[in-house]
Amino acid sequence: MFSHFYKQTAVLKVTDGYDEYGKPDIVETKEIACRIEFKNTLVVGANGQEITSSGRLFTDDEIKIGDIVCIDDEDYKVEQAFLSTGLDGEYAVNEVYFASF
């Protein structure tokens, strides 16, 4: 629905928990089309604490909290993700807030 706005790309590193050293366990890496906005915003993280995000991105790809987004060779952790639907009830866009490690 919003794919004509996605003029940028990022690398999504899908994670599945952590290894024995506390590092994210990356199970898949793929390039995604998105729209990126760098702007500090206060969001509520997965643990319920307020976090200052480095920015947000919009994409059609499924992204979950804890995944890693690589933008211009710098990794960011996904702190919050919202799946939005249109007025017709169909999936519209994924809004993702990310922060530096």
C-alpha atoms as a PDB file:
ATOM      1  CA  MET A   1       0.000   0.000   0.000  1.00  0.00           C
ATOM      2  CA  PHE A   2       2.802   2.424   0.874  1.00  0.00           C
ATOM      3  CA  SER A   3       5.506   0.735  -1.188  1.00  0.00           C
ATOM      4  CA  HIS A   4       5.849   3.752  -3.528  1.00  0.00           C
ATOM      5  CA  PHE A   5       7.266   5.700  -0.525  1.00  0.00           C
ATOM      6  CA  TYR A   6      10.083   3.177   0.073  1.00  0.00           C
ATOM      7  CA  LYS A   7      13.040   4.837  -1.646  1.00  0.00           C
ATOM      8  CA  GLN A   8      15.739   3.530   0.738  1.00  0.00           C
ATOM      9  CA  THR A   9      17.094   0.131   1.681  1.00  0.00           C
ATOM     10  CA  ALA A  10      18.390  -1.409   4.891  1.00  0.00           C
ATOM     11  CA  VAL A  11      19.668  -4.835   5.873  1.00  0.00           C
ATOM     12  CA  LEU A  12      17.417  -6.744   8.266  1.00  0.00           C
ATOM     13  CA  LYS A  13      19.114  -9.282  10.526  1.00  0.00           C
ATOM     14  CA  VAL A  14      16.414 -11.561  11.941  1.00  0.00           C
ATOM     15  CA  THR A  15      17.316 -12.801  15.414  1.00  0.00           C
ATOM     16  CA  ASP A  16      16.180 -15.761  17.470  1.00  0.00           C
ATOM     17  CA  GLY A  17      17.265 -15.214  21.058  1.00  0.00           C
ATOM     18  CA  TYR A  18      20.830 -14.922  22.290  1.00  0.00           C
ATOM     19  CA  ASP A  19      23.865 -17.196  22.314  1.00  0.00           C
ATOM     20  CA  GLU A  20      25.778 -18.256  25.449  1.00  0.00           C
ATOM     21  CA  TYR A  21      27.805 -14.999  25.347  1.00  0.00           C
ATOM     22  CA  GLY A  22      24.747 -12.709  25.278  1.00  0.00           C
ATOM     23  CA  LYS A  23      25.097 -11.822  21.579  1.00  0.00           C
ATOM     24  CA  PRO A  24      21.996 -11.906  19.344  1.00  0.00           C
ATOM     25  CA  ASP A  25      21.662 -15.175  17.401  1.00  0.00           C
ATOM     26  CA  ILE A  26      21.165 -14.062  13.765  1.00  0.00           C
ATOM     27  CA  VAL A  27      19.220 -16.643  11.737  1.00  0.00           C
ATOM     28  CA  GLU A  28      18.528 -14.697   8.523  1.00  0.00           C
ATOM     29  CA  THR A  29      19.866 -11.619   6.732  1.00  0.00           C
ATOM     30  CA  LYS A  30      17.974  -9.864   3.939  1.00  0.00           C
ATOM     31  CA  GLU A  31      17.770  -6.471   2.258  1.00  0.00           C
ATOM     32  CA  ILE A  32      14.472  -4.640   2.688  1.00  0.00           C
ATOM     33  CA  ALA A  33      12.917  -1.628   0.987  1.00  0.00           C
ATOM     34  CA  CYS A  34      11.943   1.024   3.506  1.00  0.00           C
ATOM     35  CA  ARG A  35      11.632   4.679   4.406  1.00  0.00           C
ATOM     36  CA  ILE A  36      14.016   5.804   7.156  1.00  0.00           C
ATOM     37  CA  GLU A  37      13.624   8.840   9.410  1.00  0.00           C
ATOM     38  CA  PHE A  38      16.370   9.734  11.887  1.00  0.00           C
ATOM     39  CA  LYS A  39      14.700  11.557  14.771  1.00  0.00           C
ATOM     40  CA  ASN A  40      15.030  10.989  18.500  1.00  0.00           C
ATOM     41  CA  THR A  41      11.711   9.854  19.962  1.00  0.00           C
ATOM     42  CA  LEU A  42      10.753   8.546  23.372  1.00  0.00           C
ATOM     43  CA  VAL A  43       9.224   5.047  23.082  1.00  0.00           C
ATOM     44  CA  VAL A  44       8.356   2.293  25.526  1.00  0.00           C
ATOM     45  CA  GLY A  45      10.690  -0.671  25.047  1.00  0.00           C
ATOM     46  CA  ALA A  46       9.899  -4.379  25.360  1.00  0.00           C
ATOM     47  CA  ASN A  47      10.839  -4.338  29.053  1.00  0.00           C
ATOM     48  CA  GLY A  48       8.425  -1.472  29.808  1.00  0.00           C
ATOM     49  CA  GLN A  49      11.054   1.240  30.247  1.00  0.00           C
ATOM     50  CA  GLU A  50      11.163   4.441  28.238  1.00  0.00           C
ATOM     51  CA  ILE A  51      13.929   4.470  25.621  1.00  0.00           C
ATOM     52  CA  THR A  52      15.121   7.248  23.347  1.00  0.00           C
ATOM     53  CA  SER A  53      15.026   5.838  19.833  1.00  0.00           C
ATOM     54  CA  SER A  54      17.483   6.934  17.146  1.00  0.00           C
ATOM     55  CA  GLY A  55      14.815   6.900  14.459  1.00  0.00           C
ATOM     56  CA  ARG A  56      12.076   4.917  12.791  1.00  0.00           C
ATOM     57  CA  LEU A  57      11.467   3.156   9.529  1.00  0.00           C
ATOM     58  CA  PHE A  58       8.447   2.063   7.565  1.00  0.00           C
ATOM     59  CA  THR A  59       8.410  -1.180   5.587  1.00  0.00           C
ATOM     60  CA  ASP A  60       6.160  -3.955   4.306  1.00  0.00           C
ATOM     61  CA  ASP A  61       8.484  -6.627   5.716  1.00  0.00           C
ATOM     62  CA  GLU A  62       7.789  -8.281   9.051  1.00  0.00           C
ATOM     63  CA  ILE A  63      10.161  -7.037  11.760  1.00  0.00           C
ATOM     64  CA  LYS A  64       9.971  -7.963  15.422  1.00  0.00           C
ATOM     65  CA  ILE A  65      11.381  -6.463  18.601  1.00  0.00           C
ATOM     66  CA  GLY A  66      14.982  -7.584  19.102  1.00  0.00           C
ATOM     67  CA  ASP A  67      15.832  -7.818  15.390  1.00  0.00           C
ATOM     68  CA  ILE A  68      18.756  -5.792  14.062  1.00  0.00           C
ATOM     69  CA  VAL A  69      18.533  -3.220  11.280  1.00  0.00           C
ATOM     70  CA  CYS A  70      21.767  -2.253   9.501  1.00  0.00           C
ATOM     71  CA  ILE A  71      21.683   1.245   7.977  1.00  0.00           C
ATOM     72  CA  ASP A  72      24.819   2.596   6.269  1.00  0.00           C
ATOM     73  CA  ASP A  73      26.964  -0.148   7.867  1.00  0.00           C
ATOM     74  CA  GLU A  74      25.768   0.686  11.393  1.00  0.00           C
ATOM     75  CA  ASP A  75      23.655  -1.749  13.409  1.00  0.00           C
ATOM     76  CA  TYR A  76      20.565  -0.632  15.332  1.00  0.00           C
ATOM     77  CA  LYS A  77      18.380  -2.718  17.642  1.00  0.00           C
ATOM     78  CA  VAL A  78      14.625  -2.755  17.040  1.00  0.00           C
ATOM     79  CA  GLU A  79      13.010  -1.433  20.223  1.00  0.00           C
ATOM     80  CA  GLN A  80       9.362  -1.177  19.148  1.00  0.00           C
ATOM     81  CA  ALA A  81       7.349  -2.366  16.142  1.00  0.00           C
ATOM     82  CA  PHE A  82       3.775  -1.524  15.211  1.00  0.00           C
ATOM     83  CA  LEU A  83       1.772  -3.354  12.583  1.00  0.00           C
ATOM     84  CA  SER A  84      -0.754  -0.965  11.064  1.00  0.00           C
ATOM     85  CA  THR A  85      -3.863  -1.832   9.091  1.00  0.00           C
ATOM     86  CA  GLY A  86      -5.834   0.268   6.662  1.00  0.00           C
ATOM     87  CA  LEU A  87      -9.487   1.217   6.929  1.00  0.00           C
ATOM     88  CA  ASP A  88     -10.372  -1.933   5.011  1.00  0.00           C
ATOM     89  CA  GLY A  89      -8.756  -4.102   7.720  1.00  0.00           C
ATOM     90  CA  GLU A  90      -5.926  -5.223   5.463  1.00  0.00           C
ATOM     91  CA  TYR A  91      -2.250  -5.052   6.447  1.00  0.00           C
ATOM     92  CA  ALA A  92      -0.852  -1.633   5.520  1.00  0.00           C
ATOM     93  CA  VAL A  93       2.612  -0.926   6.929  1.00  0.00           C
ATOM     94  CA  ASN A  94       5.071  -1.897   9.668  1.00  0.00           C
ATOM     95  CA  GLU A  95       6.348   1.078  11.717  1.00  0.00           C
ATOM     96  CA  VAL A  96       9.605   0.263  13.519  1.00  0.00           C
ATOM     97  CA  TYR A  97      11.516   2.298  16.102  1.00  0.00           C
ATOM     98  CA  PHE A  98      15.233   1.529  16.444  1.00  0.00           C
ATOM     99  CA  ALA A  99      18.072   2.605  18.735  1.00  0.00           C
ATOM    100  CA  SER A 100      21.838   2.345  18.796  1.00  0.00           C
ATOM    101  CA  PHE A 101      23.354  -0.517  20.755  1.00  0.00           C
END
